[in-house]
Amino acid sequence: MNCFYSKNFVLKFIFSLVIISHFTKISFAQWGFTDTEIQSVAQGQFVNLLNPNTDTSENIFAGLFNGSVDGNSTQFYSISVIPNPVFPDTTYTDTTFIDGNPSSAVLYILNNYYPYKSNYPPSLNNINHQASSIQLAIWKFSDSLNIITVNNELIKSRALSIISDAVTNSGNLNIPLTFEIVSDISPEAFLVKTTDELGNGISVNNIDLLLTQSYGYLSTNIVNTVDGYSESVEVIGSGVGLIFATGNCVYPQGSVFTNSSSLNRRCLFLAKPVIGRMNVNYDWGTLPVELTSFTYSVSNRDVFLNWSTASETNNSRFEIERLASQSASIHNSEWTNAGTVTGNGNSLVTNNYSFTDKNLSTGVYNYRLKQIDFNGNFEYFNLSNEVEIGTPSKFDLSQNYPNPFNPSTKINFSMAKEGNVSIKVFDNTGKQMATLLNEFRSTGFYTIDFNAANLTSGIYFYKMETNGVTKVMKMVLLK
């Protein structure tokens, strides 16, 4: 996605967010109606790099932009690597829906680095260098920037450190929810909920409510929230309809601002929370997803999950959750997210889905699907049987993945019985370049990581030796 930013121009946009809640009757979606002005460049500096959108070396500003949302000051990072803008830019027109939420890695950076947080070790002394490093790290995830092409060694080194931190610690992050409609005790009523970016309840006055596509009406059309919650609002005279709530709420860091009036998408990440005009709408009386089957099969260390639906309403996605119930090598008794499969929204025909959970350790596992609406409502579907990953029947060394790779890759191997195992890397002349493993291992499936940051591009070979068994595989390092 190509994005572009400038100062002294006004973006008018509609911002679309997925909202998470904990009830199953009501669905809703969130967006904003704000005037966003980008006023000037802020902290950062120009760096020379290979622009992934043009494949040419260019001197580009990497850093923050000063701006405002509905007159409230804030700052932004850009989403794509774009050459210097021409000021002022007057090519913007009204709004478009965005393509989706930022990745977990980008959200981690925005949540843990400048300007949202300014006290974190280690940090560069020069704030312009620091902001430039953060922007470069974001571009790595949002626009596939090759950080190695950056000519400033200090900034490049810091950006690589930020990238490594994000990859290691980002997990599964979502944009925080700040404006929701939640169910009340009464099935005929709802509440409006408002929070800051940390989930703390905040008070918001004069939230407008509107019921459409219904013969009914609401008990009130204006509410205030106090410490996060409004009074109960009753839906009278109808079990269906579309309800809107509009108010001045918090846009959290990571929110995306976009404009599609030109050929290239022009997009920004919000770097600091800011108050802006938002609208929440939800469908009063949404039908659930009808699941007709949920089955599995096993091949070596991989579990293949398959499920089908007969109908879907407002279906955003399925999150696949795994529980390791019995294993000598796994001590996690909590459900963990194994992956996500996109839903089909609204459908009255059969839809088939599949997901592969790869490279599992020996043990017994349970699986369940967490079906999530676009509004954040969710429902669980459990696999009826446990899934067992047994001990390997032979010694084996698998093809590394990814391949080609840069600079890291993973290598799987299996031990049919316990013993010492060594895995070494050689170049194409037979010279040993690295020892990845040389130790005793029990029977089971294993995965090791190989980082070739210190090697040059080329063809390499890795060899496994154990219990009289030798196997050699080829891999390609492409920088």
Protein backbone atom coordinates (compact mmCIF):
# COMPACT_ATOMS: atom_id res chain seq x y z
CA MET A 1 0.00 0.00 0.00
CA ASN A 2 1.53 3.32 -1.06
CA CYS A 3 0.87 6.24 1.27
CA PHE A 4 1.75 9.93 1.22
CA TYR A 5 1.72 12.77 3.73
CA SER A 6 2.26 16.52 3.77
CA LYS A 7 1.87 19.52 6.04
CA ASN A 8 -0.69 22.31 5.81
CA PHE A 9 -3.39 20.18 4.29
CA VAL A 10 -6.64 18.81 5.61
CA LEU A 11 -7.69 15.17 5.41
CA LYS A 12 -11.33 14.33 5.83
CA PHE A 13 -11.77 10.66 6.48
CA ILE A 14 -13.89 7.85 7.72
CA PHE A 15 -11.92 5.53 10.01
CA SER A 16 -13.15 1.95 10.33
CA LEU A 17 -12.29 -0.10 13.42
CA VAL A 18 -13.14 -3.58 14.60
CA ILE A 19 -14.56 -3.41 18.11
CA ILE A 20 -14.39 -6.21 20.66
CA SER A 21 -17.11 -6.83 23.21
CA HIS A 22 -18.40 -9.70 25.33
CA PHE A 23 -22.01 -10.22 24.36
CA THR A 24 -23.61 -12.16 21.59
CA LYS A 25 -26.80 -10.34 20.64
CA ILE A 26 -25.69 -6.99 19.31
CA SER A 27 -23.32 -6.14 16.49
CA PHE A 28 -21.72 -2.82 15.68
CA ALA A 29 -18.89 -1.10 13.82
CA GLN A 30 -16.92 2.05 14.59
CA TRP A 31 -15.59 4.86 12.44
CA GLY A 32 -14.95 8.58 12.74
CA PHE A 33 -15.92 11.80 11.01
CA THR A 34 -12.97 14.05 11.70
CA ASP A 35 -10.98 16.85 10.10
CA THR A 36 -7.31 15.92 10.32
CA GLU A 37 -4.68 18.53 9.56
CA ILE A 38 -1.01 17.69 9.00
CA GLN A 39 0.83 20.87 9.91
CA SER A 40 4.60 20.26 9.77
CA VAL A 41 7.40 17.78 10.08
CA ALA A 42 8.36 17.07 13.69
CA GLN A 43 11.16 14.93 15.15
CA GLY A 44 13.16 12.93 12.61
CA GLN A 45 15.67 13.46 9.81
CA PHE A 46 16.38 12.68 6.17
CA VAL A 47 18.03 9.32 5.46
CA ASN A 48 19.18 7.68 2.27
CA LEU A 49 17.55 4.31 1.60
CA LEU A 50 16.24 2.03 -1.13
CA ASN A 51 12.59 2.99 -1.63
CA PRO A 52 10.68 -0.33 -1.87
CA ASN A 53 7.99 1.36 -4.00
CA THR A 54 10.37 2.65 -6.68
CA ASP A 55 13.41 0.36 -6.17
CA THR A 56 15.69 3.41 -6.26
CA SER A 57 17.97 4.97 -3.64
CA GLU A 58 16.42 8.19 -2.35
CA ASN A 59 16.91 10.74 0.41
CA ILE A 60 13.64 10.61 2.37
CA PHE A 61 12.40 12.18 5.60
CA ALA A 62 11.85 9.49 8.24
CA GLY A 63 10.13 10.67 11.40
CA LEU A 64 7.03 12.23 12.88
CA PHE A 65 4.54 14.74 11.53
CA ASN A 66 2.80 17.34 13.70
CA GLY A 67 -0.92 17.62 13.17
CA SER A 68 -4.35 17.79 14.73
CA VAL A 69 -7.64 15.90 14.80
CA ASP A 70 -10.72 18.09 15.11
CA GLY A 71 -8.42 20.86 16.34
CA ASN A 72 -6.70 18.71 18.98
CA SER A 73 -2.93 18.46 18.62
CA THR A 74 -1.30 15.09 17.99
CA GLN A 75 1.44 13.41 15.91
CA PHE A 76 1.61 10.80 13.14
CA TYR A 77 4.00 8.32 11.58
CA SER A 78 3.64 7.48 7.90
CA ILE A 79 2.67 4.02 6.63
CA SER A 80 4.62 3.94 3.34
CA VAL A 81 8.02 5.12 2.17
CA ILE A 82 7.24 8.11 -0.06
CA PRO A 83 9.65 10.82 -1.34
CA ASN A 84 9.44 14.39 -0.13
CA PRO A 85 5.93 15.86 -0.38
CA VAL A 86 5.20 19.20 -2.02
CA PHE A 87 3.63 21.71 0.34
CA PRO A 88 0.88 22.62 0.51
CA ASP A 89 -1.02 19.63 -0.85
CA THR A 90 -4.56 20.40 -1.99
CA THR A 91 -5.37 17.15 -3.82
CA TYR A 92 -7.34 15.54 -0.99
CA THR A 93 -11.03 14.85 -1.18
CA ASP A 94 -13.43 13.30 1.25
CA THR A 95 -13.07 9.98 2.83
CA THR A 96 -12.64 6.31 2.24
CA PHE A 97 -12.70 3.23 4.41
CA ILE A 98 -9.27 1.90 5.35
CA ASP A 99 -7.78 -1.43 4.32
CA GLY A 100 -7.44 -2.86 7.82
CA ASN A 101 -5.70 -2.56 11.14
CA PRO A 102 -1.91 -2.29 11.57
CA SER A 103 0.09 -5.40 12.32
CA SER A 104 0.82 -6.49 15.89
CA ALA A 105 4.47 -5.51 15.40
CA VAL A 106 3.56 -1.95 14.36
CA LEU A 107 1.12 -1.64 17.25
CA TYR A 108 3.81 -2.84 19.64
CA ILE A 109 6.18 -0.13 18.40
CA LEU A 110 3.53 2.58 18.63
CA ASN A 111 2.60 1.44 22.15
CA ASN A 112 6.14 1.19 23.49
CA TYR A 113 8.22 3.86 21.75
CA TYR A 114 8.34 7.59 21.17
CA PRO A 115 6.21 9.69 21.25
CA TYR A 116 3.65 7.61 23.18
CA LYS A 117 6.41 6.54 25.54
CA SER A 118 9.62 8.49 26.02
CA ASN A 119 11.26 6.61 28.89
CA TYR A 120 12.54 3.27 27.67
CA PRO A 121 16.03 1.74 27.47
CA PRO A 122 18.05 1.66 25.36
CA SER A 123 17.49 4.90 23.50
CA LEU A 124 19.51 7.21 21.27
CA ASN A 125 20.44 10.53 22.86
CA ASN A 126 19.35 12.52 19.81
CA ILE A 127 15.54 12.51 19.64
CA ASN A 128 15.62 13.13 15.87
CA HIS A 129 17.71 9.99 15.41
CA GLN A 130 15.38 8.11 17.70
CA ALA A 131 12.20 9.15 15.86
CA SER A 132 13.85 8.35 12.53
CA SER A 133 14.79 4.84 13.76
CA ILE A 134 11.22 4.22 14.92
CA GLN A 135 9.78 5.32 11.56
CA LEU A 136 12.21 3.04 9.71
CA ALA A 137 11.21 0.10 11.92
CA ILE A 138 7.53 0.79 11.20
CA TRP A 139 8.24 0.90 7.44
CA LYS A 140 9.88 -2.52 7.73
CA PHE A 141 6.51 -4.00 8.75
CA SER A 142 4.10 -1.70 6.89
CA ASP A 143 5.94 -1.25 3.57
CA SER A 144 8.59 -4.04 3.42
CA LEU A 145 11.52 -1.63 3.73
CA ASN A 146 14.91 -3.37 3.59
CA ILE A 147 16.62 -1.74 6.59
CA ILE A 148 20.04 -2.86 5.37
CA THR A 149 19.81 -0.23 2.59
CA VAL A 150 19.75 2.67 5.10
CA ASN A 151 23.07 4.51 4.87
CA ASN A 152 23.14 5.95 8.43
CA GLU A 153 24.73 3.18 10.51
CA LEU A 154 23.63 4.58 13.90
CA ILE A 155 19.99 4.93 12.89
CA LYS A 156 20.02 1.60 11.03
CA SER A 157 21.40 -0.24 14.07
CA ARG A 158 18.76 1.28 16.33
CA ALA A 159 15.97 0.45 13.84
CA LEU A 160 17.12 -3.18 13.69
CA SER A 161 17.04 -3.32 17.50
CA ILE A 162 13.46 -1.98 17.54
CA ILE A 163 12.43 -4.50 14.86
CA SER A 164 13.91 -7.37 16.87
CA ASP A 165 12.11 -6.17 20.01
CA ALA A 166 8.78 -5.97 18.13
CA VAL A 167 9.16 -9.41 16.55
CA THR A 168 9.99 -11.00 19.92
CA ASN A 169 7.39 -9.29 22.08
CA SER A 170 4.47 -8.11 19.94
CA GLY A 171 2.28 -11.23 20.34
CA ASN A 172 -1.30 -10.72 19.12
CA LEU A 173 -2.13 -7.06 19.63
CA ASN A 174 -5.28 -5.23 18.57
CA ILE A 175 -6.14 -1.56 18.52
CA PRO A 176 -7.64 -0.69 21.94
CA LEU A 177 -11.39 -0.17 22.11
CA THR A 178 -12.50 3.26 23.19
CA PHE A 179 -16.15 3.56 22.06
CA GLU A 180 -18.53 0.60 22.41
CA ILE A 181 -22.14 -0.35 22.81
CA VAL A 182 -22.57 -3.19 25.31
CA SER A 183 -25.54 -5.20 26.50
CA ASP A 184 -27.48 -4.31 29.63
CA ILE A 185 -29.01 -6.76 32.09
CA SER A 186 -32.31 -6.33 30.27
CA PRO A 187 -32.35 -7.99 26.82
CA GLU A 188 -34.24 -4.96 25.51
CA ALA A 189 -31.60 -2.41 26.54
CA PHE A 190 -27.98 -1.42 25.99
CA LEU A 191 -25.28 0.83 27.45
CA VAL A 192 -22.70 3.09 25.80
CA LYS A 193 -19.12 2.55 27.02
CA THR A 194 -16.23 5.04 26.63
CA THR A 195 -12.58 4.48 27.65
CA ASP A 196 -9.12 5.85 27.06
CA GLU A 197 -6.45 3.95 25.17
CA LEU A 198 -5.57 1.98 28.32
CA GLY A 199 -9.13 0.79 28.87
CA ASN A 200 -9.83 3.15 31.77
CA GLY A 201 -13.37 4.48 31.85
CA ILE A 202 -13.74 8.16 30.92
CA SER A 203 -16.72 10.52 30.96
CA VAL A 204 -18.10 11.80 27.66
CA ASN A 205 -21.05 14.18 27.38
CA ASN A 206 -23.67 14.59 24.68
CA ILE A 207 -23.44 11.29 22.85
CA ASP A 208 -26.14 11.27 20.16
CA LEU A 209 -28.23 8.12 19.63
CA LEU A 210 -30.35 7.25 16.59
CA LEU A 211 -32.45 4.18 15.75
CA THR A 212 -33.01 3.51 12.03
CA GLN A 213 -34.55 0.75 9.89
CA SER A 214 -37.06 0.08 12.66
CA TYR A 215 -40.63 0.87 13.69
CA GLY A 216 -39.46 1.25 17.27
CA TYR A 217 -37.78 4.10 19.14
CA LEU A 218 -35.20 4.66 21.89
CA SER A 219 -35.99 5.71 25.45
CA THR A 220 -33.54 8.61 25.01
CA ASN A 221 -31.59 10.10 22.11
CA ILE A 222 -28.76 11.73 24.09
CA VAL A 223 -26.65 10.11 26.83
CA ASN A 224 -23.62 10.99 28.92
CA THR A 225 -21.10 8.45 30.18
CA VAL A 226 -19.79 8.73 33.74
CA ASP A 227 -16.49 6.95 34.39
CA GLY A 228 -17.05 4.89 31.28
CA TYR A 229 -20.74 3.93 31.20
CA SER A 230 -24.02 5.59 30.22
CA GLU A 231 -27.43 5.11 31.67
CA SER A 232 -29.46 2.17 30.36
CA VAL A 233 -31.11 2.86 27.00
CA GLU A 234 -34.19 0.81 26.06
CA VAL A 235 -35.19 -0.19 22.53
CA ILE A 236 -38.99 0.17 22.54
CA GLY A 237 -41.44 -1.37 20.09
CA SER A 238 -39.00 -3.39 17.96
CA GLY A 239 -36.55 -6.28 18.11
CA VAL A 240 -34.62 -5.15 15.01
CA GLY A 241 -33.00 -2.02 13.70
CA LEU A 242 -29.70 -0.21 13.23
CA ILE A 243 -28.58 1.99 16.12
CA PHE A 244 -26.04 4.82 15.79
CA ALA A 245 -24.09 6.53 18.58
CA THR A 246 -21.91 9.56 17.86
CA GLY A 247 -19.58 11.34 20.28
CA ASN A 248 -16.16 12.88 20.91
CA CYS A 249 -14.01 9.93 21.99
CA VAL A 250 -10.38 8.81 22.11
CA TYR A 251 -8.63 7.65 18.96
CA PRO A 252 -5.85 5.39 20.32
CA GLN A 253 -2.32 5.19 18.95
CA GLY A 254 -2.29 2.90 15.94
CA SER A 255 -5.48 4.31 14.45
CA VAL A 256 -5.18 4.65 10.68
CA PHE A 257 -6.06 7.79 8.73
CA THR A 258 -6.41 7.37 4.99
CA ASN A 259 -7.34 9.09 1.76
CA SER A 260 -7.91 7.39 -1.60
CA SER A 261 -8.66 10.32 -3.85
CA SER A 262 -5.40 9.80 -5.74
CA LEU A 263 -3.89 6.79 -7.50
CA ASN A 264 -1.69 5.94 -4.51
CA ARG A 265 -3.26 5.37 -1.10
CA ARG A 266 -2.19 8.05 1.41
CA CYS A 267 -2.13 6.82 4.95
CA LEU A 268 -0.97 7.69 8.47
CA PHE A 269 -0.56 5.88 11.78
CA LEU A 270 -1.66 7.91 14.80
CA ALA A 271 1.35 8.11 17.13
CA LYS A 272 -0.40 9.67 20.16
CA PRO A 273 -4.01 9.33 21.39
CA VAL A 274 -6.30 12.20 20.50
CA ILE A 275 -9.96 13.15 20.93
CA GLY A 276 -11.99 13.05 17.70
CA ARG A 277 -15.54 12.62 16.46
CA MET A 278 -16.57 8.95 16.26
CA ASN A 279 -19.66 7.01 15.29
CA VAL A 280 -20.65 3.55 16.50
CA ASN A 281 -23.42 1.60 14.81
CA TYR A 282 -24.71 -1.84 15.61
CA ASP A 283 -27.34 -4.19 14.35
CA TRP A 284 -29.98 -4.93 16.97
CA GLY A 285 -30.78 -8.61 16.55
CA THR A 286 -27.83 -10.14 14.62
CA LEU A 287 -28.07 -13.87 13.81
CA PRO A 288 -25.12 -16.14 14.73
CA VAL A 289 -22.92 -18.20 12.46
CA GLU A 290 -24.31 -21.73 11.91
CA LEU A 291 -21.44 -24.25 12.08
CA THR A 292 -22.23 -27.65 10.50
CA SER A 293 -18.93 -29.53 10.99
CA PHE A 294 -15.55 -29.25 12.71
CA THR A 295 -13.03 -32.05 12.08
CA TYR A 296 -9.29 -32.72 12.10
CA SER A 297 -6.55 -34.94 10.71
CA VAL A 298 -2.87 -35.37 11.63
CA SER A 299 0.26 -35.80 9.51
CA ASN A 300 3.55 -36.06 11.42
CA ARG A 301 3.75 -32.84 13.46
CA ASP A 302 0.98 -31.00 11.59
CA VAL A 303 -2.71 -30.80 12.53
CA PHE A 304 -5.21 -30.06 9.74
CA LEU A 305 -8.48 -28.46 10.92
CA ASN A 306 -11.56 -28.25 8.67
CA TRP A 307 -14.96 -26.73 9.36
CA SER A 308 -18.05 -25.65 7.42
CA THR A 309 -20.84 -23.14 7.91
CA ALA A 310 -24.38 -23.27 6.54
CA SER A 311 -24.98 -19.53 7.00
CA GLU A 312 -23.10 -16.49 8.25
CA THR A 313 -24.14 -13.04 9.41
CA ASN A 314 -21.61 -10.30 10.09
CA ASN A 315 -18.81 -12.89 10.32
CA SER A 316 -15.42 -11.18 10.51
CA ARG A 317 -13.09 -14.09 11.27
CA PHE A 318 -12.33 -17.31 13.11
CA GLU A 319 -9.50 -17.34 15.63
CA ILE A 320 -8.10 -20.85 16.15
CA GLU A 321 -7.20 -21.52 19.78
CA ARG A 322 -5.09 -24.42 21.07
CA LEU A 323 -4.69 -25.99 24.52
CA ALA A 324 -1.82 -28.38 25.27
CA SER A 325 -3.48 -30.77 27.72
CA GLN A 326 -0.82 -33.46 28.15
CA SER A 327 2.84 -33.27 27.18
CA ALA A 328 6.17 -33.85 28.81
CA SER A 329 7.69 -30.97 26.87
CA ILE A 330 4.83 -28.42 27.12
CA HIS A 331 3.71 -26.85 30.37
CA ASN A 332 1.12 -24.37 29.14
CA SER A 333 -2.36 -24.97 30.57
CA GLU A 334 -3.95 -21.91 28.90
CA TRP A 335 -5.63 -21.50 25.53
CA THR A 336 -3.31 -19.80 23.05
CA ASN A 337 -4.00 -18.28 19.63
CA ALA A 338 -2.72 -20.56 16.87
CA GLY A 339 -3.89 -18.42 13.93
CA THR A 340 -6.74 -16.59 12.21
CA VAL A 341 -8.94 -17.36 9.19
CA THR A 342 -11.05 -14.62 7.57
CA GLY A 343 -14.83 -15.15 7.56
CA ASN A 344 -17.23 -14.54 4.67
CA GLY A 345 -19.25 -11.75 6.24
CA ASN A 346 -22.86 -12.41 5.28
CA SER A 347 -23.67 -15.66 3.48
CA LEU A 348 -26.59 -18.06 2.99
CA VAL A 349 -24.54 -20.74 1.23
CA THR A 350 -22.14 -23.39 2.55
CA ASN A 351 -18.61 -22.14 3.19
CA ASN A 352 -15.68 -24.46 3.88
CA TYR A 353 -12.66 -23.42 5.91
CA SER A 354 -9.31 -24.98 6.75
CA PHE A 355 -6.28 -24.23 8.92
CA THR A 356 -2.98 -26.07 9.43
CA ASP A 357 -1.23 -25.93 12.80
CA LYS A 358 2.35 -26.85 11.96
CA ASN A 359 5.39 -28.28 13.74
CA LEU A 360 3.81 -29.23 17.05
CA SER A 361 5.71 -30.97 19.82
CA THR A 362 4.74 -34.44 21.00
CA GLY A 363 1.64 -34.22 23.19
CA VAL A 364 -2.15 -34.09 23.39
CA TYR A 365 -4.01 -30.97 22.24
CA ASN A 366 -7.52 -29.51 22.31
CA TYR A 367 -8.78 -27.03 19.72
CA ARG A 368 -11.63 -24.54 19.54
CA LEU A 369 -12.82 -21.87 17.12
CA LYS A 370 -13.54 -18.36 18.35
CA GLN A 371 -15.96 -16.93 15.78
CA ILE A 372 -15.88 -13.11 15.92
CA ASP A 373 -18.35 -10.71 14.31
CA PHE A 374 -17.28 -7.42 12.74
CA ASN A 375 -18.72 -5.87 15.88
CA GLY A 376 -16.49 -7.93 18.18
CA ASN A 377 -19.18 -10.34 19.42
CA PHE A 378 -17.80 -13.86 19.67
CA GLU A 379 -18.86 -17.47 20.13
CA TYR A 380 -16.81 -20.64 20.78
CA PHE A 381 -17.02 -23.94 18.89
CA ASN A 382 -15.05 -26.82 20.43
CA LEU A 383 -13.47 -29.75 18.60
CA SER A 384 -15.12 -32.86 20.04
CA ASN A 385 -11.95 -34.98 20.18
CA GLU A 386 -8.46 -34.48 21.54
CA VAL A 387 -5.62 -34.42 19.01
CA GLU A 388 -2.54 -36.50 19.75
CA ILE A 389 0.90 -35.84 18.25
CA GLY A 390 2.91 -39.04 18.77
CA THR A 391 6.61 -39.81 18.76
CA PRO A 392 8.36 -39.85 15.36
CA SER A 393 8.81 -43.19 13.63
CA LYS A 394 12.17 -42.29 12.05
CA PHE A 395 15.10 -39.89 12.19
CA ASP A 396 14.49 -37.07 9.75
CA LEU A 397 15.75 -33.64 8.73
CA SER A 398 13.28 -31.32 6.97
CA GLN A 399 13.74 -28.55 4.43
CA ASN A 400 14.37 -25.24 6.15
CA TYR A 401 11.64 -22.62 5.98
CA PRO A 402 11.47 -20.03 4.65
CA ASN A 403 13.79 -20.91 1.78
CA PRO A 404 15.30 -18.77 0.30
CA PHE A 405 15.67 -16.77 3.53
CA ASN A 406 17.12 -13.49 4.84
CA PRO A 407 18.65 -13.66 7.37
CA SER A 408 16.80 -16.17 9.59
CA THR A 409 15.25 -19.56 8.91
CA LYS A 410 13.93 -22.56 10.86
CA ILE A 411 14.99 -26.20 10.58
CA ASN A 412 12.85 -29.12 11.78
CA PHE A 413 14.22 -32.53 12.69
CA SER A 414 12.87 -35.62 14.42
CA MET A 415 14.47 -38.16 16.75
CA ALA A 416 13.08 -41.70 16.62
CA LYS A 417 15.02 -42.49 19.80
CA GLU A 418 17.17 -40.51 22.18
CA GLY A 419 20.81 -39.78 21.44
CA ASN A 420 23.35 -37.14 20.58
CA VAL A 421 22.53 -35.07 17.49
CA SER A 422 24.62 -32.51 15.63
CA ILE A 423 23.50 -30.10 12.91
CA LYS A 424 26.18 -28.10 11.10
CA VAL A 425 26.17 -25.60 8.22
CA PHE A 426 28.68 -25.70 5.33
CA ASP A 427 29.30 -23.47 2.32
CA ASN A 428 29.44 -24.86 -1.22
CA THR A 429 33.19 -25.56 -0.89
CA GLY A 430 32.61 -27.82 2.12
CA LYS A 431 33.89 -25.31 4.69
CA GLN A 432 32.02 -25.48 8.00
CA MET A 433 30.34 -22.13 8.72
CA ALA A 434 28.31 -22.83 11.86
CA THR A 435 27.35 -25.48 14.42
CA LEU A 436 23.63 -25.16 15.14
CA LEU A 437 23.32 -28.08 17.51
CA ASN A 438 25.57 -30.66 19.19
CA GLU A 439 23.87 -32.17 22.23
CA PHE A 440 21.78 -34.99 23.63
CA ARG A 441 18.09 -34.95 22.67
CA SER A 442 15.19 -37.20 23.73
CA THR A 443 12.76 -38.81 21.29
CA GLY A 444 10.52 -36.19 19.68
CA PHE A 445 10.10 -33.43 17.13
CA TYR A 446 12.29 -30.32 17.29
CA THR A 447 12.80 -26.96 15.63
CA ILE A 448 15.98 -24.88 15.67
CA ASP A 449 16.63 -21.37 14.38
CA PHE A 450 19.51 -20.34 12.13
CA ASN A 451 20.47 -16.67 11.80
CA ALA A 452 22.83 -16.06 8.87
CA ALA A 453 23.24 -12.33 9.36
CA ASN A 454 27.02 -12.70 9.24
CA LEU A 455 27.09 -14.75 6.04
CA THR A 456 26.96 -13.59 2.43
CA SER A 457 24.28 -14.54 -0.07
CA GLY A 458 24.70 -17.96 -1.61
CA ILE A 459 23.96 -21.68 -1.44
CA TYR A 460 24.66 -23.48 1.86
CA PHE A 461 24.24 -27.03 3.11
CA TYR A 462 23.18 -28.25 6.56
CA LYS A 463 23.96 -31.75 7.80
CA MET A 464 22.37 -33.76 10.61
CA GLU A 465 24.23 -36.66 12.24
CA THR A 466 22.66 -38.86 14.94
CA ASN A 467 22.56 -42.54 15.89
CA GLY A 468 24.47 -43.50 12.75
CA VAL A 469 22.08 -41.54 10.51
CA THR A 470 23.35 -38.72 8.27
CA LYS A 471 21.24 -36.39 6.13
CA VAL A 472 22.23 -33.29 4.15
CA MET A 473 19.88 -30.57 2.84
CA LYS A 474 20.47 -27.45 0.72
CA MET A 475 19.32 -23.92 1.55
CA VAL A 476 19.65 -20.51 -0.12
CA LEU A 477 20.56 -17.28 1.65
CA LEU A 478 19.34 -14.32 -0.40
CA LYS A 479 20.11 -10.83 0.90
